[in-house]
């Protein structure tokens, strides 16, 4: 539904700009500026939400990535711990 709404608005703006002549160019510019500002503010909101999610999950920007060797070592420790627990 949102896609069709956007298409309809674009068609209405084009029709209005053809009808209004020289004023239509200004109308297009104003609408383009409004769309850009809308996208900018929506992006800022999404960025703030992502930062809040990262903070909630404990993901820090300065964290270094975990190497494959560290992951393998941790998995081996867990596997050994499980194997020792089953033997008892």
N, C-alpha and C. Protein backbone atom coordinates (compact mmCIF):
# COMPACT_ATOMS: atom_id res chain seq x y z
N UNK A 1 0.82 -1.19 0.00
CA UNK A 1 0.00 0.00 0.00
C UNK A 1 0.87 1.25 0.00
N UNK A 2 1.97 1.21 0.72
CA UNK A 2 2.84 2.39 0.80
C UNK A 2 3.45 2.67 -0.56
N UNK A 3 3.84 1.61 -1.30
CA UNK A 3 4.43 1.81 -2.62
C UNK A 3 3.46 2.51 -3.55
N UNK A 4 2.20 2.06 -3.54
CA UNK A 4 1.21 2.66 -4.42
C UNK A 4 0.93 4.10 -4.01
N UNK A 5 0.99 4.37 -2.74
CA UNK A 5 0.80 5.74 -2.27
C UNK A 5 1.90 6.65 -2.77
N UNK A 6 3.13 6.15 -2.74
CA UNK A 6 4.25 6.96 -3.22
C UNK A 6 4.15 7.19 -4.72
N UNK A 7 3.76 6.16 -5.45
CA UNK A 7 3.60 6.30 -6.90
C UNK A 7 2.51 7.32 -7.20
N UNK A 8 1.42 7.26 -6.47
CA UNK A 8 0.32 8.20 -6.67
C UNK A 8 0.77 9.64 -6.39
N UNK A 9 1.53 9.81 -5.33
CA UNK A 9 2.01 11.16 -4.99
C UNK A 9 2.93 11.68 -6.08
N UNK A 10 3.83 10.84 -6.57
CA UNK A 10 4.74 11.27 -7.63
C UNK A 10 3.95 11.67 -8.87
N UNK A 11 2.95 10.87 -9.23
CA UNK A 11 2.14 11.21 -10.40
C UNK A 11 1.37 12.51 -10.19
N UNK A 12 0.84 12.70 -9.00
CA UNK A 12 0.13 13.95 -8.72
C UNK A 12 1.06 15.16 -8.78
N UNK A 13 2.28 15.00 -8.28
CA UNK A 13 3.24 16.11 -8.31
C UNK A 13 3.62 16.43 -9.75
N UNK A 14 3.85 15.39 -10.55
CA UNK A 14 4.19 15.64 -11.95
C UNK A 14 3.03 16.32 -12.68
N UNK A 15 1.82 15.84 -12.41
CA UNK A 15 0.65 16.47 -13.02
C UNK A 15 0.49 17.91 -12.59
N UNK A 16 0.67 18.16 -11.32
CA UNK A 16 0.54 19.53 -10.80
C UNK A 16 1.64 20.42 -11.37
N UNK A 17 2.84 19.89 -11.51
CA UNK A 17 3.93 20.72 -12.04
C UNK A 17 3.69 21.06 -13.51
N UNK A 18 3.11 20.13 -14.27
CA UNK A 18 2.78 20.43 -15.66
C UNK A 18 1.65 21.48 -15.72
N UNK A 19 0.70 21.36 -14.84
CA UNK A 19 -0.43 22.29 -14.82
C UNK A 19 0.00 23.68 -14.37
N UNK A 20 0.90 23.72 -13.39
CA UNK A 20 1.31 25.01 -12.83
C UNK A 20 2.41 25.69 -13.63
N UNK A 21 3.06 24.99 -14.51
CA UNK A 21 4.10 25.60 -15.35
C UNK A 21 5.34 25.93 -14.55
N UNK A 22 5.69 27.22 -14.51
CA UNK A 22 6.92 27.64 -13.85
C UNK A 22 6.85 27.39 -12.34
N UNK A 23 5.67 27.49 -11.77
CA UNK A 23 5.53 27.23 -10.33
C UNK A 23 5.72 25.74 -10.01
N UNK A 24 5.50 24.91 -11.01
CA UNK A 24 5.66 23.47 -10.82
C UNK A 24 7.09 23.08 -10.51
N UNK A 25 8.05 23.82 -11.09
CA UNK A 25 9.46 23.54 -10.82
C UNK A 25 9.77 23.81 -9.35
N UNK A 26 9.25 24.89 -8.84
CA UNK A 26 9.44 25.20 -7.42
C UNK A 26 8.76 24.17 -6.54
N UNK A 27 7.59 23.72 -6.96
CA UNK A 27 6.87 22.70 -6.21
C UNK A 27 7.67 21.41 -6.14
N UNK A 28 8.27 21.02 -7.27
CA UNK A 28 9.11 19.82 -7.29
C UNK A 28 10.29 19.97 -6.33
N UNK A 29 10.92 21.13 -6.33
CA UNK A 29 12.06 21.37 -5.45
C UNK A 29 11.68 21.29 -3.98
N UNK A 30 10.56 21.87 -3.65
CA UNK A 30 10.09 21.85 -2.25
C UNK A 30 9.77 20.43 -1.82
N UNK A 31 9.11 19.67 -2.69
CA UNK A 31 8.77 18.29 -2.35
C UNK A 31 10.03 17.43 -2.25
N UNK A 32 11.00 17.64 -3.15
CA UNK A 32 12.26 16.89 -3.09
C UNK A 32 12.99 17.19 -1.78
N UNK A 33 13.02 18.45 -1.38
CA UNK A 33 13.66 18.82 -0.12
C UNK A 33 12.94 18.15 1.06
N UNK A 34 11.62 18.14 1.02
CA UNK A 34 10.85 17.48 2.08
C UNK A 34 11.16 15.99 2.15
N UNK A 35 11.25 15.33 1.01
CA UNK A 35 11.59 13.90 0.99
C UNK A 35 12.99 13.65 1.55
N UNK A 36 13.94 14.49 1.16
CA UNK A 36 15.30 14.32 1.67
C UNK A 36 15.36 14.52 3.19
N UNK A 37 14.66 15.52 3.69
CA UNK A 37 14.63 15.73 5.13
C UNK A 37 13.95 14.57 5.85
N UNK A 38 12.90 14.04 5.26
CA UNK A 38 12.21 12.90 5.85
C UNK A 38 13.14 11.70 5.94
N UNK A 39 13.87 11.44 4.87
CA UNK A 39 14.82 10.31 4.86
C UNK A 39 15.92 10.55 5.89
N UNK A 40 16.41 11.79 5.98
CA UNK A 40 17.48 12.11 6.93
C UNK A 40 17.03 11.86 8.37
N UNK A 41 15.84 12.35 8.73
CA UNK A 41 15.37 12.18 10.10
C UNK A 41 15.04 10.72 10.41
N UNK A 42 14.54 9.99 9.43
CA UNK A 42 14.25 8.58 9.63
C UNK A 42 15.56 7.80 9.85
N UNK A 43 16.59 8.16 9.09
CA UNK A 43 17.89 7.52 9.25
C UNK A 43 18.48 7.80 10.63
N UNK A 44 18.35 9.03 11.09
CA UNK A 44 18.85 9.39 12.42
C UNK A 44 18.12 8.59 13.51
N UNK A 45 16.82 8.41 13.35
CA UNK A 45 16.04 7.64 14.32
C UNK A 45 16.49 6.18 14.33
N UNK A 46 16.70 5.61 13.16
CA UNK A 46 17.15 4.22 13.07
C UNK A 46 18.54 4.08 13.68
N UNK A 47 19.42 5.05 13.44
CA UNK A 47 20.76 5.01 14.03
C UNK A 47 20.70 5.06 15.55
N UNK A 48 19.84 5.90 16.09
CA UNK A 48 19.70 5.98 17.55
C UNK A 48 19.15 4.68 18.11
N UNK A 49 18.20 4.07 17.41
CA UNK A 49 17.66 2.78 17.85
C UNK A 49 18.74 1.70 17.84
N UNK A 50 19.56 1.68 16.81
CA UNK A 50 20.64 0.69 16.74
C UNK A 50 21.65 0.88 17.86
N UNK A 51 21.95 2.13 18.18
CA UNK A 51 22.88 2.39 19.29
C UNK A 51 22.29 1.90 20.60
N UNK A 52 20.99 2.11 20.80
CA UNK A 52 20.34 1.64 22.02
C UNK A 52 20.36 0.11 22.09
N UNK A 53 20.13 -0.55 20.96
CA UNK A 53 20.18 -2.01 20.92
C UNK A 53 21.58 -2.50 21.23
N UNK A 54 22.60 -1.87 20.64
CA UNK A 54 23.99 -2.26 20.90
C UNK A 54 24.32 -2.08 22.38
N UNK A 55 23.87 -0.99 22.97
CA UNK A 55 24.14 -0.75 24.39
C UNK A 55 23.45 -1.81 25.24
N UNK A 56 22.21 -2.16 24.89
CA UNK A 56 21.46 -3.16 25.65
C UNK A 56 22.13 -4.54 25.55
N UNK A 57 22.65 -4.86 24.36
CA UNK A 57 23.29 -6.17 24.16
C UNK A 57 24.74 -6.20 24.64
N UNK A 58 25.29 -5.05 24.96
CA UNK A 58 26.66 -4.99 25.44
C UNK A 58 27.68 -5.01 24.33
N UNK A 59 27.27 -4.63 23.14
CA UNK A 59 28.20 -4.57 22.00
C UNK A 59 28.82 -3.18 21.99
N UNK A 60 30.12 -3.15 22.14
CA UNK A 60 30.81 -1.87 22.17
C UNK A 60 31.47 -1.61 20.83
N UNK A 61 31.60 -0.34 20.47
CA UNK A 61 32.24 0.02 19.21
C UNK A 61 33.73 -0.32 19.21
N UNK A 62 34.38 -0.21 20.35
CA UNK A 62 35.82 -0.41 20.42
C UNK A 62 36.24 -1.86 20.59
N UNK A 63 35.30 -2.78 20.63
CA UNK A 63 35.66 -4.18 20.83
C UNK A 63 36.41 -4.70 19.62
N UNK A 64 37.41 -5.52 19.90
CA UNK A 64 38.14 -6.13 18.79
C UNK A 64 37.44 -7.42 18.41
N UNK A 65 37.53 -7.79 17.15
CA UNK A 65 36.88 -9.03 16.73
C UNK A 65 37.57 -10.25 17.33
N UNK A 66 36.80 -11.28 17.60
CA UNK A 66 37.33 -12.51 18.18
C UNK A 66 37.95 -13.33 17.06
N UNK A 67 39.17 -13.81 17.29
CA UNK A 67 39.85 -14.58 16.25
C UNK A 67 39.31 -16.01 16.20
N UNK A 68 39.57 -16.66 15.09
CA UNK A 68 39.12 -18.05 14.93
C UNK A 68 39.77 -18.97 15.96
N UNK A 69 41.02 -18.70 16.29
CA UNK A 69 41.73 -19.54 17.26
C UNK A 69 41.07 -19.45 18.64
N UNK A 70 40.67 -18.24 19.02
CA UNK A 70 40.00 -18.07 20.31
C UNK A 70 38.66 -18.80 20.34
N UNK A 71 37.93 -18.75 19.24
CA UNK A 71 36.65 -19.45 19.16
C UNK A 71 36.86 -20.95 19.24
N UNK A 72 37.85 -21.46 18.50
CA UNK A 72 38.13 -22.90 18.51
C UNK A 72 38.55 -23.36 19.90
N UNK A 73 39.39 -22.56 20.58
CA UNK A 73 39.84 -22.94 21.92
C UNK A 73 38.66 -22.99 22.89
N UNK A 74 37.76 -22.03 22.80
CA UNK A 74 36.60 -22.03 23.68
C UNK A 74 35.69 -23.23 23.40
N UNK A 75 35.49 -23.55 22.14
CA UNK A 75 34.66 -24.70 21.79
C UNK A 75 35.28 -26.00 22.29
N UNK A 76 36.61 -26.11 22.16
CA UNK A 76 37.27 -27.32 22.65
C UNK A 76 37.13 -27.45 24.17
N UNK A 77 37.25 -26.34 24.89
CA UNK A 77 37.07 -26.37 26.34
C UNK A 77 35.65 -26.82 26.69
N UNK A 78 34.67 -26.29 25.99
CA UNK A 78 33.29 -26.67 26.26
C UNK A 78 33.05 -28.14 25.94
N UNK A 79 33.63 -28.62 24.85
CA UNK A 79 33.45 -30.03 24.47
C UNK A 79 34.09 -30.95 25.52
N UNK A 80 35.28 -30.54 26.01
CA UNK A 80 35.95 -31.34 27.05
C UNK A 80 35.13 -31.35 28.34
N UNK A 81 34.56 -30.20 28.67
CA UNK A 81 33.74 -30.09 29.89
C UNK A 81 32.49 -30.96 29.76
N UNK A 82 31.87 -30.99 28.62
CA UNK A 82 30.70 -31.84 28.39
C UNK A 82 31.08 -33.31 28.45
N UNK A 83 32.23 -33.66 27.86
CA UNK A 83 32.67 -35.05 27.85
C UNK A 83 32.98 -35.50 29.29
N UNK A 84 33.61 -34.65 30.07
CA UNK A 84 33.93 -34.98 31.46
C UNK A 84 32.65 -35.11 32.27
N UNK A 85 31.67 -34.30 31.99
CA UNK A 85 30.39 -34.35 32.72
C UNK A 85 29.62 -35.62 32.40
N UNK A 86 29.71 -36.13 31.20
CA UNK A 86 28.99 -37.34 30.82
C UNK A 86 29.67 -38.60 31.36
N UNK A 87 30.98 -38.56 31.55
CA UNK A 87 31.72 -39.72 32.03
C UNK A 87 31.44 -40.00 33.49
N UNK A 88 31.10 -38.98 34.24
CA UNK A 88 30.90 -39.15 35.68
C UNK A 88 29.73 -39.97 36.03
